[in-house]
C-alpha atoms as a PDB file:
ATOM      1  CA  MET A   1     143.537 183.540 212.473  1.00  0.00           C
ATOM      2  CA  HIS A   2     146.609 185.397 213.527  1.00  0.00           C
ATOM      3  CA  ALA A   3     149.517 185.570 210.890  1.00  0.00           C
ATOM      4  CA  ARG A   4     151.760 183.732 213.241  1.00  0.00           C
ATOM      5  CA  THR A   5     149.286 180.902 213.723  1.00  0.00           C
ATOM      6  CA  LEU A   6     148.817 180.622 210.042  1.00  0.00           C
ATOM      7  CA  ALA A   7     152.822 180.618 209.477  1.00  0.00           C
ATOM      8  CA  THR A   8     153.056 177.982 211.949  1.00  0.00           C
ATOM      9  CA  LEU A   9     150.412 175.845 210.477  1.00  0.00           C
ATOM     10  CA  VAL A  10     151.830 176.166 207.019  1.00  0.00           C
ATOM     11  CA  LEU A  11     155.321 175.471 208.169  1.00  0.00           C
ATOM     12  CA  ALA A  12     154.187 172.373 210.076  1.00  0.00           C
ATOM     13  CA  THR A  13     152.530 171.162 206.889  1.00  0.00           C
ATOM     14  CA  ALA A  14     155.638 171.739 204.938  1.00  0.00           C
ATOM     15  CA  LEU A  15     157.906 169.916 207.232  1.00  0.00           C
ATOM     16  CA  ALA A  16     155.266 166.969 207.490  1.00  0.00           C
ATOM     17  CA  GLY A  17     156.178 166.259 203.751  1.00  0.00           C
ATOM     18  CA  CYS A  18     153.729 164.982 201.118  1.00  0.00           C
ATOM     19  CA  TYR A  19     151.585 161.910 201.229  1.00  0.00           C
ATOM     20  CA  HIS A  20     151.981 159.366 198.453  1.00  0.00           C
ATOM     21  CA  ALA A  21     150.220 156.091 198.080  1.00  0.00           C
ATOM     22  CA  THR A  22     150.504 153.604 195.236  1.00  0.00           C
ATOM     23  CA  ILE A  23     148.518 150.511 194.440  1.00  0.00           C
ATOM     24  CA  GLU A  24     149.777 147.897 191.812  1.00  0.00           C
ATOM     25  CA  THR A  25     147.616 145.270 190.494  1.00  0.00           C
ATOM     26  CA  GLY A  26     150.601 143.349 188.776  1.00  0.00           C
ATOM     27  CA  ALA A  27     149.359 143.995 185.432  1.00  0.00           C
ATOM     28  CA  LYS A  28     151.731 145.446 182.726  1.00  0.00           C
ATOM     29  CA  PRO A  29     150.938 149.044 182.063  1.00  0.00           C
ATOM     30  CA  SER A  30     149.959 150.204 178.506  1.00  0.00           C
ATOM     31  CA  GLY A  31     150.940 153.765 178.496  1.00  0.00           C
ATOM     32  CA  LEU A  32     147.592 155.111 178.750  1.00  0.00           C
ATOM     33  CA  THR A  33     146.641 157.317 181.902  1.00  0.00           C
ATOM     34  CA  VAL A  34     143.588 158.639 183.333  1.00  0.00           C
ATOM     35  CA  GLU A  35     144.281 161.577 185.919  1.00  0.00           C
ATOM     36  CA  LYS A  36     141.960 163.721 188.104  1.00  0.00           C
ATOM     37  CA  LYS A  37     143.815 166.733 189.872  1.00  0.00           C
ATOM     38  CA  TRP A  38     142.149 168.112 192.934  1.00  0.00           C
ATOM     39  CA  ALA A  39     139.959 165.164 193.466  1.00  0.00           C
ATOM     40  CA  SER A  40     137.602 166.370 196.535  1.00  0.00           C
ATOM     41  CA  GLY A  41     137.910 164.497 199.824  1.00  0.00           C
ATOM     42  CA  TRP A  42     136.093 165.650 202.936  1.00  0.00           C
ATOM     43  CA  VAL A  43     136.860 165.267 206.648  1.00  0.00           C
ATOM     44  CA  TYR A  44     140.366 164.324 206.537  1.00  0.00           C
ATOM     45  CA  GLY A  45     139.754 161.941 203.907  1.00  0.00           C
ATOM     46  CA  LEU A  46     137.153 160.029 205.595  1.00  0.00           C
ATOM     47  CA  VAL A  47     134.903 160.793 202.711  1.00  0.00           C
ATOM     48  CA  PRO A  48     136.930 159.975 199.905  1.00  0.00           C
ATOM     49  CA  PRO A  49     136.845 161.427 196.206  1.00  0.00           C
ATOM     50  CA  SER A  50     134.260 160.273 193.849  1.00  0.00           C
ATOM     51  CA  ALA A  51     135.067 157.266 191.837  1.00  0.00           C
ATOM     52  CA  ILE A  52     137.027 157.930 188.483  1.00  0.00           C
ATOM     53  CA  GLU A  53     135.431 156.121 185.621  1.00  0.00           C
ATOM     54  CA  THR A  54     138.112 154.211 183.926  1.00  0.00           C
ATOM     55  CA  ALA A  55     136.226 151.513 181.942  1.00  0.00           C
ATOM     56  CA  ALA A  56     136.032 153.450 178.657  1.00  0.00           C
ATOM     57  CA  LYS A  57     139.926 154.170 178.638  1.00  0.00           C
ATOM     58  CA  CYS A  58     141.109 150.931 180.271  1.00  0.00           C
ATOM     59  CA  PRO A  59     139.185 148.156 178.732  1.00  0.00           C
ATOM     60  CA  SER A  60     141.886 145.768 180.112  1.00  0.00           C
ATOM     61  CA  GLY A  61     141.670 147.154 183.635  1.00  0.00           C
ATOM     62  CA  VAL A  62     144.155 148.971 185.741  1.00  0.00           C
ATOM     63  CA  ALA A  63     147.742 148.402 186.242  1.00  0.00           C
ATOM     64  CA  LYS A  64     148.540 151.090 189.020  1.00  0.00           C
ATOM     65  CA  VAL A  65     146.709 153.918 190.891  1.00  0.00           C
ATOM     66  CA  ASP A  66     148.780 156.650 192.529  1.00  0.00           C
ATOM     67  CA  THR A  67     147.210 159.070 195.167  1.00  0.00           C
ATOM     68  CA  GLN A  68     149.071 162.173 196.411  1.00  0.00           C
ATOM     69  CA  LEU A  69     148.612 164.891 198.673  1.00  0.00           C
ATOM     70  CA  GLY A  70     151.170 167.584 197.615  1.00  0.00           C
ATOM     71  CA  PHE A  71     152.027 170.639 199.536  1.00  0.00           C
ATOM     72  CA  LEU A  72     149.273 172.786 198.029  1.00  0.00           C
ATOM     73  CA  ASN A  73     146.763 170.156 198.702  1.00  0.00           C
ATOM     74  CA  MET A  74     148.019 169.964 202.381  1.00  0.00           C
ATOM     75  CA  VAL A  75     147.826 173.752 202.765  1.00  0.00           C
ATOM     76  CA  VAL A  76     144.080 173.760 201.611  1.00  0.00           C
ATOM     77  CA  GLY A  77     143.488 170.856 204.019  1.00  0.00           C
ATOM     78  CA  VAL A  78     145.161 172.869 206.712  1.00  0.00           C
ATOM     79  CA  LEU A  79     143.276 176.154 206.056  1.00  0.00           C
ATOM     80  CA  THR A  80     139.977 174.542 205.827  1.00  0.00           C
ATOM     81  CA  LEU A  81     140.709 172.670 209.442  1.00  0.00           C
ATOM     82  CA  GLY A  82     140.584 169.322 207.380  1.00  0.00           C
ATOM     83  CA  ILE A  83     137.089 169.422 206.154  1.00  0.00           C
ATOM     84  CA  TYR A  84     138.216 169.928 202.481  1.00  0.00           C
ATOM     85  CA  THR A  85     141.032 167.474 201.735  1.00  0.00           C
ATOM     86  CA  PRO A  86     141.905 167.502 197.815  1.00  0.00           C
ATOM     87  CA  MET A  87     144.166 165.066 196.323  1.00  0.00           C
ATOM     88  CA  ASP A  88     145.678 164.259 192.907  1.00  0.00           C
ATOM     89  CA  ILE A  89     144.929 160.607 191.578  1.00  0.00           C
ATOM     90  CA  ARG A  90     146.543 158.923 188.510  1.00  0.00           C
ATOM     91  CA  VAL A  91     145.492 155.655 186.938  1.00  0.00           C
ATOM     92  CA  ALA A  92     147.642 153.610 184.676  1.00  0.00           C
ATOM     93  CA  CYS A  93     145.618 151.525 182.480  1.00  0.00           C
ATOM     94  CA  ALA A  94     146.630 147.772 181.944  1.00  0.00           C
ATOM     95  CA  GLU A  95     148.102 146.349 178.696  1.00  0.00           C
ATOM     96  CA  SER A  96     145.490 144.008 176.927  1.00  0.00           C
ATOM     97  CA  PRO A  97     146.586 140.422 177.201  1.00  0.00           C
ATOM     98  CA  ALA A  98     147.126 140.043 173.474  1.00  0.00           C
ATOM     99  CA  GLY A  99     149.898 142.862 173.722  1.00  0.00           C
ATOM    100  CA  GLY A 100     147.891 145.604 172.131  1.00  0.00           C
ATOM    101  CA  THR A 101     145.139 148.088 173.344  1.00  0.00           C
ATOM    102  CA  ALA A 102     141.721 146.788 173.211  1.00  0.00           C
ATOM    103  CA  PHE A 103     138.479 148.566 173.514  1.00  0.00           C
ATOM    104  CA  VAL A 104     135.362 146.652 174.195  1.00  0.00           C
ATOM    105  CA  VAL A 105     131.780 147.655 173.023  1.00  0.00           C
ATOM    106  CA  PRO A 106     128.650 145.849 174.358  1.00  0.00           C
ATOM    107  CA  ASP A 107     126.476 144.241 171.886  1.00  0.00           C
ATOM    108  CA  SER A 108     123.500 146.508 173.076  1.00  0.00           C
ATOM    109  CA  ALA A 109     125.581 149.508 172.708  1.00  0.00           C
ATOM    110  CA  SER A 110     123.877 152.681 171.574  1.00  0.00           C
ATOM    111  CA  ALA A 111     125.131 154.729 168.677  1.00  0.00           C
ATOM    112  CA  THR A 112     126.512 157.386 171.163  1.00  0.00           C
ATOM    113  CA  THR A 113     128.480 154.734 172.892  1.00  0.00           C
ATOM    114  CA  TRP A 114     129.856 153.387 169.588  1.00  0.00           C
ATOM    115  CA  GLN A 115     130.946 156.819 168.570  1.00  0.00           C
ATOM    116  CA  ALA A 116     132.413 157.536 171.888  1.00  0.00           C
ATOM    117  CA  THR A 117     134.369 154.236 171.947  1.00  0.00           C
ATOM    118  CA  MET A 118     135.610 154.643 168.232  1.00  0.00           C
ATOM    119  CA  LEU A 119     136.716 158.365 169.358  1.00  0.00           C
ATOM    120  CA  LEU A 120     138.858 157.062 172.293  1.00  0.00           C
ATOM    121  CA  ALA A 121     140.151 154.147 170.322  1.00  0.00           C
ATOM    122  CA  ALA A 122     141.418 156.739 167.506  1.00  0.00           C
ATOM    123  CA  GLN A 123     142.848 158.915 170.544  1.00  0.00           C
ATOM    124  CA  ALA A 124     144.627 155.876 172.156  1.00  0.00           C
ATOM    125  CA  SER A 125     146.162 154.829 168.603  1.00  0.00           C
ATOM    126  CA  ARG A 126     147.501 158.468 168.102  1.00  0.00           C
ATOM    127  CA  ASP A 127     148.808 158.714 171.636  1.00  0.00           C
ATOM    128  CA  LEU A 128     150.390 155.278 171.696  1.00  0.00           C
ATOM    129  CA  ASN A 129     151.582 155.617 167.938  1.00  0.00           C
ATOM    130  CA  GLU A 130     150.500 152.100 167.493  1.00  0.00           C
ATOM    131  CA  PRO A 131     147.264 150.026 166.315  1.00  0.00           C
ATOM    132  CA  VAL A 132     144.479 149.395 168.691  1.00  0.00           C
ATOM    133  CA  TYR A 133     141.399 147.183 168.221  1.00  0.00           C
ATOM    134  CA  VAL A 134     137.625 147.540 169.067  1.00  0.00           C
ATOM    135  CA  GLN A 135     136.040 144.362 170.177  1.00  0.00           C
ATOM    136  CA  VAL A 136     132.222 143.777 170.023  1.00  0.00           C
ATOM    137  CA  GLY A 137     130.568 142.054 172.948  1.00  0.00           C
ATOM    138  CA  HIS A 138     132.166 140.741 176.342  1.00  0.00           C
END
């Protein structure tokens, strides 16, 4: 690729602006977020990034999902001719109906799942600076 062609493509990408989409569920955000930077999409986004596992961190569901193609993401997309199209994804967890953050552990959970859930609950309590609760079964 010639330098002039590359400069034109980069300039066209910069002038095109950034892509940003938001999906809101109507639930109140809890303050906890799950982020995935440079999530790999393929063929101009026709093959989307893999799913983000939010069940453990967002036991009350999701309040909002933001997807964004920033300038650098677009430059990579242009340089790969759209074959690789990375994006940034940010998920805002929903607040539990009781007003506090809840983590649910199934009755049949393994010891490893219990440990992981308790660790996440402790981290959430520290991050939010408020109590959280762990519910058994669902």
